[in-house]
C-alpha atoms as a PDB file:
ATOM      1  CA  MET A   1     -28.797  27.631  85.564  1.00  0.00           C
ATOM      2  CA  ASP A   2     -25.922  28.937  83.470  1.00  0.00           C
ATOM      3  CA  LEU A   3     -23.925  27.031  80.884  1.00  0.00           C
ATOM      4  CA  PRO A   4     -20.963  25.375  82.649  1.00  0.00           C
ATOM      5  CA  PRO A   5     -17.669  26.918  81.497  1.00  0.00           C
ATOM      6  CA  ASN A   6     -14.904  24.745  80.078  1.00  0.00           C
ATOM      7  CA  PRO A   7     -11.744  25.565  82.055  1.00  0.00           C
ATOM      8  CA  PHE A   8      -9.598  23.241  79.949  1.00  0.00           C
ATOM      9  CA  LYS A   9     -10.548  25.012  76.723  1.00  0.00           C
ATOM     10  CA  ALA A  10      -9.863  28.367  78.356  1.00  0.00           C
ATOM     11  CA  ALA A  11      -6.445  27.161  79.522  1.00  0.00           C
ATOM     12  CA  LEU A  12      -5.498  25.991  76.034  1.00  0.00           C
ATOM     13  CA  ARG A  13      -6.629  29.292  74.554  1.00  0.00           C
ATOM     14  CA  GLU A  14      -4.438  31.163  77.054  1.00  0.00           C
ATOM     15  CA  GLY A  15      -1.449  28.865  76.548  1.00  0.00           C
ATOM     16  CA  ARG A  16      -1.431  27.534  80.115  1.00  0.00           C
ATOM     17  CA  ARG A  17       0.088  24.070  80.284  1.00  0.00           C
ATOM     18  CA  GLN A  18      -2.227  21.318  81.463  1.00  0.00           C
ATOM     19  CA  ILE A  19      -0.985  18.048  82.963  1.00  0.00           C
ATOM     20  CA  GLY A  20      -3.251  15.038  82.626  1.00  0.00           C
ATOM     21  CA  ILE A  21      -3.697  11.326  83.212  1.00  0.00           C
ATOM     22  CA  TRP A  22      -5.318   8.580  81.120  1.00  0.00           C
ATOM     23  CA  CYS A  23      -8.208   6.581  82.608  1.00  0.00           C
ATOM     24  CA  SER A  24      -8.611   3.122  81.129  1.00  0.00           C
ATOM     25  CA  ILE A  25     -10.219   1.370  84.120  1.00  0.00           C
ATOM     26  CA  PRO A  26     -14.016   1.648  83.965  1.00  0.00           C
ATOM     27  CA  GLY A  27     -15.910   2.606  87.080  1.00  0.00           C
ATOM     28  CA  ALA A  28     -17.107   5.651  88.985  1.00  0.00           C
ATOM     29  CA  GLY A  29     -15.027   4.834  92.057  1.00  0.00           C
ATOM     30  CA  VAL A  30     -11.812   4.744  90.070  1.00  0.00           C
ATOM     31  CA  ALA A  31     -12.720   7.976  88.288  1.00  0.00           C
ATOM     32  CA  GLU A  32     -13.435   9.734  91.568  1.00  0.00           C
ATOM     33  CA  ALA A  33     -10.142   8.558  93.050  1.00  0.00           C
ATOM     34  CA  VAL A  34      -8.188   9.735  89.995  1.00  0.00           C
ATOM     35  CA  ALA A  35     -10.042  13.057  89.973  1.00  0.00           C
ATOM     36  CA  SER A  36      -8.898  13.679  93.553  1.00  0.00           C
ATOM     37  CA  CYS A  37      -5.202  13.397  92.661  1.00  0.00           C
ATOM     38  CA  GLY A  38      -4.673  16.943  91.433  1.00  0.00           C
ATOM     39  CA  PHE A  39      -4.250  16.590  87.676  1.00  0.00           C
ATOM     40  CA  ASP A  40      -5.529  19.400  85.482  1.00  0.00           C
ATOM     41  CA  TRP A  41      -7.369  16.890  83.298  1.00  0.00           C
ATOM     42  CA  MET A  42      -8.190  13.226  83.015  1.00  0.00           C
ATOM     43  CA  LEU A  43      -9.183  11.372  79.883  1.00  0.00           C
ATOM     44  CA  ILE A  44     -11.780   8.610  79.926  1.00  0.00           C
ATOM     45  CA  ASP A  45     -10.819   6.282  77.105  1.00  0.00           C
ATOM     46  CA  THR A  46     -13.505   4.314  75.283  1.00  0.00           C
ATOM     47  CA  GLU A  47     -11.399   3.480  72.220  1.00  0.00           C
ATOM     48  CA  HIS A  48      -9.182   0.826  73.775  1.00  0.00           C
ATOM     49  CA  THR A  49     -11.257  -0.139  76.826  1.00  0.00           C
ATOM     50  CA  VAL A  50     -14.564  -1.820  77.652  1.00  0.00           C
ATOM     51  CA  THR A  51     -15.986   1.423  79.088  1.00  0.00           C
ATOM     52  CA  ASP A  52     -19.511   1.983  77.760  1.00  0.00           C
ATOM     53  CA  LEU A  53     -21.675   5.123  77.669  1.00  0.00           C
ATOM     54  CA  PRO A  54     -23.541   4.648  80.982  1.00  0.00           C
ATOM     55  CA  THR A  55     -20.196   4.040  82.695  1.00  0.00           C
ATOM     56  CA  VAL A  56     -18.709   7.157  81.082  1.00  0.00           C
ATOM     57  CA  GLN A  57     -21.599   9.222  82.433  1.00  0.00           C
ATOM     58  CA  ALA A  58     -21.197   7.735  85.920  1.00  0.00           C
ATOM     59  CA  MET A  59     -17.461   8.451  85.803  1.00  0.00           C
ATOM     60  CA  MET A  60     -18.072  12.073  84.780  1.00  0.00           C
ATOM     61  CA  GLN A  61     -20.591  12.445  87.599  1.00  0.00           C
ATOM     62  CA  ALA A  62     -18.114  10.996  90.098  1.00  0.00           C
ATOM     63  CA  ALA A  63     -15.364  13.362  88.958  1.00  0.00           C
ATOM     64  CA  ALA A  64     -17.613  16.445  88.829  1.00  0.00           C
ATOM     65  CA  PRO A  65     -16.952  17.715  92.395  1.00  0.00           C
ATOM     66  CA  TYR A  66     -13.211  17.931  91.719  1.00  0.00           C
ATOM     67  CA  PRO A  67     -11.301  20.573  89.734  1.00  0.00           C
ATOM     68  CA  THR A  68      -9.873  17.999  87.324  1.00  0.00           C
ATOM     69  CA  HIS A  69     -11.461  18.456  83.885  1.00  0.00           C
ATOM     70  CA  VAL A  70     -12.808  15.337  82.178  1.00  0.00           C
ATOM     71  CA  ILE A  71     -12.063  14.644  78.505  1.00  0.00           C
ATOM     72  CA  VAL A  72     -13.579  11.649  76.724  1.00  0.00           C
ATOM     73  CA  ARG A  73     -12.127   9.755  73.793  1.00  0.00           C
ATOM     74  CA  PRO A  74     -14.808   8.068  71.660  1.00  0.00           C
ATOM     75  CA  GLY A  75     -14.038   4.847  69.856  1.00  0.00           C
ATOM     76  CA  TRP A  76     -14.028   6.551  66.453  1.00  0.00           C
ATOM     77  CA  ASN A  77     -14.792   9.755  64.579  1.00  0.00           C
ATOM     78  CA  ASP A  78     -18.467   8.817  64.563  1.00  0.00           C
ATOM     79  CA  ALA A  79     -21.163  11.495  64.690  1.00  0.00           C
ATOM     80  CA  VAL A  80     -23.656   9.295  66.545  1.00  0.00           C
ATOM     81  CA  GLU A  81     -21.188   8.287  69.234  1.00  0.00           C
ATOM     82  CA  ILE A  82     -19.978  11.888  69.585  1.00  0.00           C
ATOM     83  CA  LYS A  83     -23.562  13.161  69.902  1.00  0.00           C
ATOM     84  CA  ARG A  84     -24.333  10.709  72.684  1.00  0.00           C
ATOM     85  CA  LEU A  85     -21.188  11.604  74.639  1.00  0.00           C
ATOM     86  CA  LEU A  86     -21.973  15.309  74.362  1.00  0.00           C
ATOM     87  CA  ASP A  87     -25.553  14.759  75.505  1.00  0.00           C
ATOM     88  CA  ALA A  88     -24.203  12.779  78.467  1.00  0.00           C
ATOM     89  CA  GLY A  89     -22.326  15.894  79.523  1.00  0.00           C
ATOM     90  CA  ALA A  90     -18.864  15.656  77.978  1.00  0.00           C
ATOM     91  CA  GLN A  91     -17.544  19.097  77.039  1.00  0.00           C
ATOM     92  CA  SER A  92     -14.137  18.021  75.724  1.00  0.00           C
ATOM     93  CA  LEU A  93     -13.505  15.209  73.265  1.00  0.00           C
ATOM     94  CA  LEU A  94     -10.378  13.672  71.763  1.00  0.00           C
ATOM     95  CA  ILE A  95     -11.179  12.178  68.373  1.00  0.00           C
ATOM     96  CA  PRO A  96      -8.864   9.326  67.352  1.00  0.00           C
ATOM     97  CA  TYR A  97      -7.262   8.637  63.994  1.00  0.00           C
ATOM     98  CA  VAL A  98      -7.936  11.893  62.175  1.00  0.00           C
ATOM     99  CA  GLN A  99      -6.095  11.647  58.868  1.00  0.00           C
ATOM    100  CA  SER A 100      -7.026  14.796  56.987  1.00  0.00           C
ATOM    101  CA  ALA A 101      -8.617  18.226  57.119  1.00  0.00           C
ATOM    102  CA  GLY A 102     -11.806  16.642  55.778  1.00  0.00           C
ATOM    103  CA  GLU A 103     -11.976  14.198  58.671  1.00  0.00           C
ATOM    104  CA  ALA A 104     -11.242  17.017  61.119  1.00  0.00           C
ATOM    105  CA  ALA A 105     -14.100  18.999  59.584  1.00  0.00           C
ATOM    106  CA  GLN A 106     -16.393  15.985  60.068  1.00  0.00           C
ATOM    107  CA  ALA A 107     -15.503  15.960  63.773  1.00  0.00           C
ATOM    108  CA  VAL A 108     -16.171  19.686  64.053  1.00  0.00           C
ATOM    109  CA  ALA A 109     -19.566  19.258  62.414  1.00  0.00           C
ATOM    110  CA  ALA A 110     -20.412  16.437  64.825  1.00  0.00           C
ATOM    111  CA  VAL A 111     -19.839  18.585  67.932  1.00  0.00           C
ATOM    112  CA  ARG A 112     -21.652  21.691  66.654  1.00  0.00           C
ATOM    113  CA  TYR A 113     -25.343  22.367  66.442  1.00  0.00           C
ATOM    114  CA  PRO A 114     -26.821  23.572  63.147  1.00  0.00           C
ATOM    115  CA  PRO A 115     -26.325  25.707  61.210  1.00  0.00           C
ATOM    116  CA  GLN A 116     -22.594  25.289  61.945  1.00  0.00           C
ATOM    117  CA  GLY A 117     -22.793  21.504  62.307  1.00  0.00           C
ATOM    118  CA  ILE A 118     -24.978  18.407  62.447  1.00  0.00           C
ATOM    119  CA  ARG A 119     -25.320  17.641  66.164  1.00  0.00           C
ATOM    120  CA  GLY A 120     -28.859  16.564  66.892  1.00  0.00           C
ATOM    121  CA  VAL A 121     -30.873  18.708  69.296  1.00  0.00           C
ATOM    122  CA  ALA A 122     -32.345  17.189  72.455  1.00  0.00           C
ATOM    123  CA  GLY A 123     -34.121  19.261  75.094  1.00  0.00           C
ATOM    124  CA  LEU A 124     -33.621  17.160  78.238  1.00  0.00           C
ATOM    125  CA  THR A 125     -30.056  15.905  78.656  1.00  0.00           C
ATOM    126  CA  ARG A 126     -27.353  16.030  81.293  1.00  0.00           C
ATOM    127  CA  ALA A 127     -25.492  18.440  79.000  1.00  0.00           C
ATOM    128  CA  ASN A 128     -28.160  21.121  79.352  1.00  0.00           C
ATOM    129  CA  ARG A 129     -28.937  20.199  82.956  1.00  0.00           C
ATOM    130  CA  PHE A 130     -32.202  18.630  81.830  1.00  0.00           C
ATOM    131  CA  GLY A 131     -33.472  21.818  80.283  1.00  0.00           C
ATOM    132  CA  LEU A 132     -32.294  24.285  82.938  1.00  0.00           C
ATOM    133  CA  VAL A 133     -29.492  25.883  80.884  1.00  0.00           C
ATOM    134  CA  LYS A 134     -31.091  28.764  79.030  1.00  0.00           C
ATOM    135  CA  ASP A 135     -30.363  28.930  75.291  1.00  0.00           C
ATOM    136  CA  TYR A 136     -28.116  25.860  75.479  1.00  0.00           C
ATOM    137  CA  ALA A 137     -28.510  25.036  71.785  1.00  0.00           C
ATOM    138  CA  THR A 138     -27.222  28.456  70.731  1.00  0.00           C
ATOM    139  CA  ARG A 139     -24.444  28.678  73.335  1.00  0.00           C
ATOM    140  CA  ALA A 140     -23.077  25.150  73.737  1.00  0.00           C
ATOM    141  CA  ASN A 141     -20.573  25.374  70.876  1.00  0.00           C
ATOM    142  CA  ALA A 142     -18.563  28.024  72.735  1.00  0.00           C
ATOM    143  CA  GLU A 143     -17.715  25.670  75.605  1.00  0.00           C
ATOM    144  CA  ILE A 144     -17.051  22.469  73.660  1.00  0.00           C
ATOM    145  CA  CYS A 145     -13.376  21.655  73.180  1.00  0.00           C
ATOM    146  CA  LEU A 146     -12.464  19.479  70.214  1.00  0.00           C
ATOM    147  CA  LEU A 147      -9.084  17.771  70.127  1.00  0.00           C
ATOM    148  CA  VAL A 148      -8.059  15.615  67.181  1.00  0.00           C
ATOM    149  CA  GLN A 149      -5.522  12.823  67.219  1.00  0.00           C
ATOM    150  CA  VAL A 150      -2.767  12.595  64.614  1.00  0.00           C
ATOM    151  CA  GLU A 151      -1.221   9.149  64.862  1.00  0.00           C
ATOM    152  CA  THR A 152       0.096   7.907  61.520  1.00  0.00           C
ATOM    153  CA  ALA A 153       2.955   8.881  59.249  1.00  0.00           C
ATOM    154  CA  ALA A 154       0.435   9.876  56.585  1.00  0.00           C
ATOM    155  CA  SER A 155      -1.486  12.153  58.933  1.00  0.00           C
ATOM    156  CA  LEU A 156       1.693  13.962  59.970  1.00  0.00           C
ATOM    157  CA  THR A 157       1.904  15.365  56.460  1.00  0.00           C
ATOM    158  CA  GLN A 158      -1.553  16.906  56.996  1.00  0.00           C
ATOM    159  CA  ILE A 159      -0.839  18.775  60.239  1.00  0.00           C
ATOM    160  CA  GLU A 160      -1.031  22.267  58.775  1.00  0.00           C
ATOM    161  CA  ALA A 161      -4.257  21.473  56.906  1.00  0.00           C
ATOM    162  CA  ILE A 162      -5.841  19.927  60.006  1.00  0.00           C
ATOM    163  CA  ALA A 163      -4.744  22.870  62.157  1.00  0.00           C
ATOM    164  CA  GLY A 164      -6.388  25.215  59.685  1.00  0.00           C
ATOM    165  CA  VAL A 165      -9.855  23.704  60.228  1.00  0.00           C
ATOM    166  CA  ASP A 166     -12.045  26.102  62.191  1.00  0.00           C
ATOM    167  CA  GLY A 167     -13.217  24.415  65.373  1.00  0.00           C
ATOM    168  CA  VAL A 168     -10.122  22.293  66.032  1.00  0.00           C
ATOM    169  CA  ASP A 169      -8.905  23.388  69.472  1.00  0.00           C
ATOM    170  CA  GLY A 170      -5.815  21.196  69.743  1.00  0.00           C
ATOM    171  CA  ILE A 171      -3.875  18.420  68.035  1.00  0.00           C
ATOM    172  CA  PHE A 172      -2.757  15.352  69.936  1.00  0.00           C
ATOM    173  CA  ILE A 173       0.058  13.068  68.804  1.00  0.00           C
ATOM    174  CA  GLY A 174      -0.323   9.327  69.386  1.00  0.00           C
ATOM    175  CA  PRO A 175       3.209   7.859  69.527  1.00  0.00           C
ATOM    176  CA  ALA A 176       2.161   4.199  69.759  1.00  0.00           C
ATOM    177  CA  ASP A 177       0.142   4.116  66.541  1.00  0.00           C
ATOM    178  CA  LEU A 178       2.628   6.444  64.880  1.00  0.00           C
ATOM    179  CA  ALA A 179       5.449   4.024  65.690  1.00  0.00           C
ATOM    180  CA  ALA A 180       3.468   1.143  64.193  1.00  0.00           C
ATOM    181  CA  SER A 181       2.712   3.104  61.023  1.00  0.00           C
ATOM    182  CA  MET A 182       6.417   3.919  60.679  1.00  0.00           C
ATOM    183  CA  GLY A 183       7.397   0.254  60.898  1.00  0.00           C
ATOM    184  CA  HIS A 184       8.358   0.221  64.575  1.00  0.00           C
ATOM    185  CA  PRO A 185       5.384  -1.362  66.387  1.00  0.00           C
ATOM    186  CA  GLY A 186       5.807  -1.382  70.145  1.00  0.00           C
ATOM    187  CA  ASP A 187       8.765   1.015  69.989  1.00  0.00           C
ATOM    188  CA  PRO A 188       7.514   4.606  70.271  1.00  0.00           C
ATOM    189  CA  GLY A 189      10.926   5.583  71.625  1.00  0.00           C
ATOM    190  CA  HIS A 190      12.666   4.647  68.381  1.00  0.00           C
ATOM    191  CA  PRO A 191      14.853   7.538  67.185  1.00  0.00           C
ATOM    192  CA  ARG A 192      12.889   7.907  63.921  1.00  0.00           C
ATOM    193  CA  VAL A 193       9.584   8.006  65.788  1.00  0.00           C
ATOM    194  CA  LYS A 194      10.905  10.394  68.401  1.00  0.00           C
ATOM    195  CA  ALA A 195      12.205  12.739  65.709  1.00  0.00           C
ATOM    196  CA  ALA A 196       8.815  12.640  63.966  1.00  0.00           C
ATOM    197  CA  VAL A 197       6.987  13.400  67.228  1.00  0.00           C
ATOM    198  CA  LEU A 198       9.191  16.377  68.048  1.00  0.00           C
ATOM    199  CA  ASP A 199       8.898  17.712  64.508  1.00  0.00           C
ATOM    200  CA  ALA A 200       5.119  17.359  64.700  1.00  0.00           C
ATOM    201  CA  ILE A 201       4.987  19.295  67.973  1.00  0.00           C
ATOM    202  CA  ALA A 202       6.989  22.123  66.422  1.00  0.00           C
ATOM    203  CA  ARG A 203       4.718  22.240  63.376  1.00  0.00           C
ATOM    204  CA  ILE A 204       1.531  22.139  65.450  1.00  0.00           C
ATOM    205  CA  ARG A 205       2.777  25.067  67.507  1.00  0.00           C
ATOM    206  CA  ALA A 206       3.888  26.950  64.392  1.00  0.00           C
ATOM    207  CA  ALA A 207       0.364  26.479  63.027  1.00  0.00           C
ATOM    208  CA  GLY A 208      -1.010  28.194  66.124  1.00  0.00           C
ATOM    209  CA  LYS A 209      -2.539  25.178  67.852  1.00  0.00           C
ATOM    210  CA  PRO A 210      -1.823  23.556  71.244  1.00  0.00           C
ATOM    211  CA  ALA A 211      -0.029  20.224  70.985  1.00  0.00           C
ATOM    212  CA  GLY A 212      -0.744  17.242  73.200  1.00  0.00           C
ATOM    213  CA  ILE A 213       0.747  13.819  73.845  1.00  0.00           C
ATOM    214  CA  LEU A 214       0.610  10.689  75.999  1.00  0.00           C
ATOM    215  CA  SER A 215       3.633   8.458  76.422  1.00  0.00           C
ATOM    216  CA  LEU A 216       4.888   5.969  78.986  1.00  0.00           C
ATOM    217  CA  ASP A 217       8.403   6.459  77.587  1.00  0.00           C
ATOM    218  CA  LYS A 218       9.802   8.982  80.070  1.00  0.00           C
ATOM    219  CA  GLY A 219      12.560  10.112  77.738  1.00  0.00           C
ATOM    220  CA  LEU A 220      10.114  10.803  74.926  1.00  0.00           C
ATOM    221  CA  LEU A 221       7.676  12.479  77.303  1.00  0.00           C
ATOM    222  CA  ASP A 222      10.386  14.731  78.754  1.00  0.00           C
ATOM    223  CA  ASP A 223      11.542  15.753  75.287  1.00  0.00           C
ATOM    224  CA  ALA A 224       7.980  16.364  74.097  1.00  0.00           C
ATOM    225  CA  PHE A 225       7.273  18.545  77.109  1.00  0.00           C
ATOM    226  CA  ALA A 226      10.483  20.471  76.531  1.00  0.00           C
ATOM    227  CA  ALA A 227       9.429  20.913  72.889  1.00  0.00           C
ATOM    228  CA  GLY A 228       6.290  22.665  74.057  1.00  0.00           C
ATOM    229  CA  THR A 229       3.315  20.341  74.505  1.00  0.00           C
ATOM    230  CA  THR A 230       0.453  22.263  76.090  1.00  0.00           C
ATOM    231  CA  PHE A 231      -1.675  19.317  77.230  1.00  0.00           C
ATOM    232  CA  THR A 232       0.476  16.409  78.361  1.00  0.00           C
ATOM    233  CA  ALA A 233      -0.743  13.071  79.741  1.00  0.00           C
ATOM    234  CA  VAL A 234       1.958  11.642  81.963  1.00  0.00           C
ATOM    235  CA  ASP A 235       0.625   8.177  82.856  1.00  0.00           C
ATOM    236  CA  ILE A 236      -2.238   5.672  82.624  1.00  0.00           C
ATOM    237  CA  ASP A 237      -4.211   4.398  85.614  1.00  0.00           C
ATOM    238  CA  MET A 238      -3.824   0.748  84.601  1.00  0.00           C
ATOM    239  CA  SER A 239      -0.089   1.215  84.084  1.00  0.00           C
ATOM    240  CA  ILE A 240       0.283   2.743  87.539  1.00  0.00           C
ATOM    241  CA  LEU A 241      -1.654  -0.154  89.047  1.00  0.00           C
ATOM    242  CA  VAL A 242       0.221  -3.023  87.404  1.00  0.00           C
ATOM    243  CA  ARG A 243       3.615  -1.321  87.565  1.00  0.00           C
ATOM    244  CA  THR A 244       3.306  -0.688  91.291  1.00  0.00           C
ATOM    245  CA  ALA A 245       1.768  -4.083  92.046  1.00  0.00           C
ATOM    246  CA  ARG A 246       4.425  -5.967  90.081  1.00  0.00           C
ATOM    247  CA  ALA A 247       7.220  -4.084  91.802  1.00  0.00           C
ATOM    248  CA  MET A 248       5.674  -4.809  95.187  1.00  0.00           C
ATOM    249  CA  ALA A 249       5.227  -8.501  94.361  1.00  0.00           C
ATOM    250  CA  ALA A 250       8.812  -8.780  93.139  1.00  0.00           C
ATOM    251  CA  ASP A 251      10.133  -7.011  96.234  1.00  0.00           C
ATOM    252  CA  TRP A 252       8.290  -9.201  98.701  1.00  0.00           C
ATOM    253  CA  LYS A 253       8.911 -12.443  96.829  1.00  0.00           C
ATOM    254  CA  SER A 254      12.621 -11.661  96.806  1.00  0.00           C
ATOM    255  CA  ARG A 255      12.547 -11.670 100.597  1.00  0.00           C
ATOM    256  CA  ALA A 256      10.677 -14.957 100.857  1.00  0.00           C
END
C-alpha cells in the first residue's frame, strides 16, 4: 500500500484556494455529514471542545470516503498530543498559540521523524496502514502539513520569523484571541483588530506562506478573503446548528 497523498498540502503549495468548515461537535455521524457537504477541508477542533482522541479517529474514518480533507487542531503545541494524532492518521495539523519562531520549530520537530525531528516511531498505526505503507518512517514527512496559529498582538510581530521556519506550511490568524489580546474581547470585527488581521495576511503572503483564517464576522471574512487568504474557514458546525434552530424557533413562535 502506498503512502496516502495530502491533497490539501499540494493545494497550498500550488496556491489553490481552499474553503473549509470548523467541526466542534464530536461524533462520527456529524463528521460524515459535514464531509459530504463539499468543502475542500474540515477542521476537527480539540482545543475548545470535548472531542477526545478515539473520537477524532472515528471522525477521520467517517470522513475518509469523501474528498474533503481533514485537519485536526490539538489542544496545545504538545509533542505527545501531536504524536498521537499523527499516529491516529491525521496528516494535517493546526497548532494553536504559536508565539515565536522557536515555538514553530518545536511544532515542526514534533511532526517529523528523526533525524529531522522527535516524533516517536511506531510500526503498527493507522497512519502507516498498520504496517502496510512501505518505508513510512522515511516518507511520512513529505505528506504532513503543518499549520501554525498566530493569535496575539505579540505573535503578529513574529510573523516573518515564524514564516522563515522550515517545515511551516501555512500561518493561520485567530481573530477571536487576537481581539482579546488587543483589548477588544468578543469584538473581532473592531476596526483595530480588522486592520491588524489584514496587515497580517499581507505580511504572511509577502513572506511566501499561505494565510488562513476563521471568522463568523462576514465583513471581516469577506475582507480577509479579498486580501488573499488561501485556506479560509467560513463557518462552524455548532454555529450553523444553533443559528438555524434559533431562527426557526423565533419564526414559528412569532406565528403562535
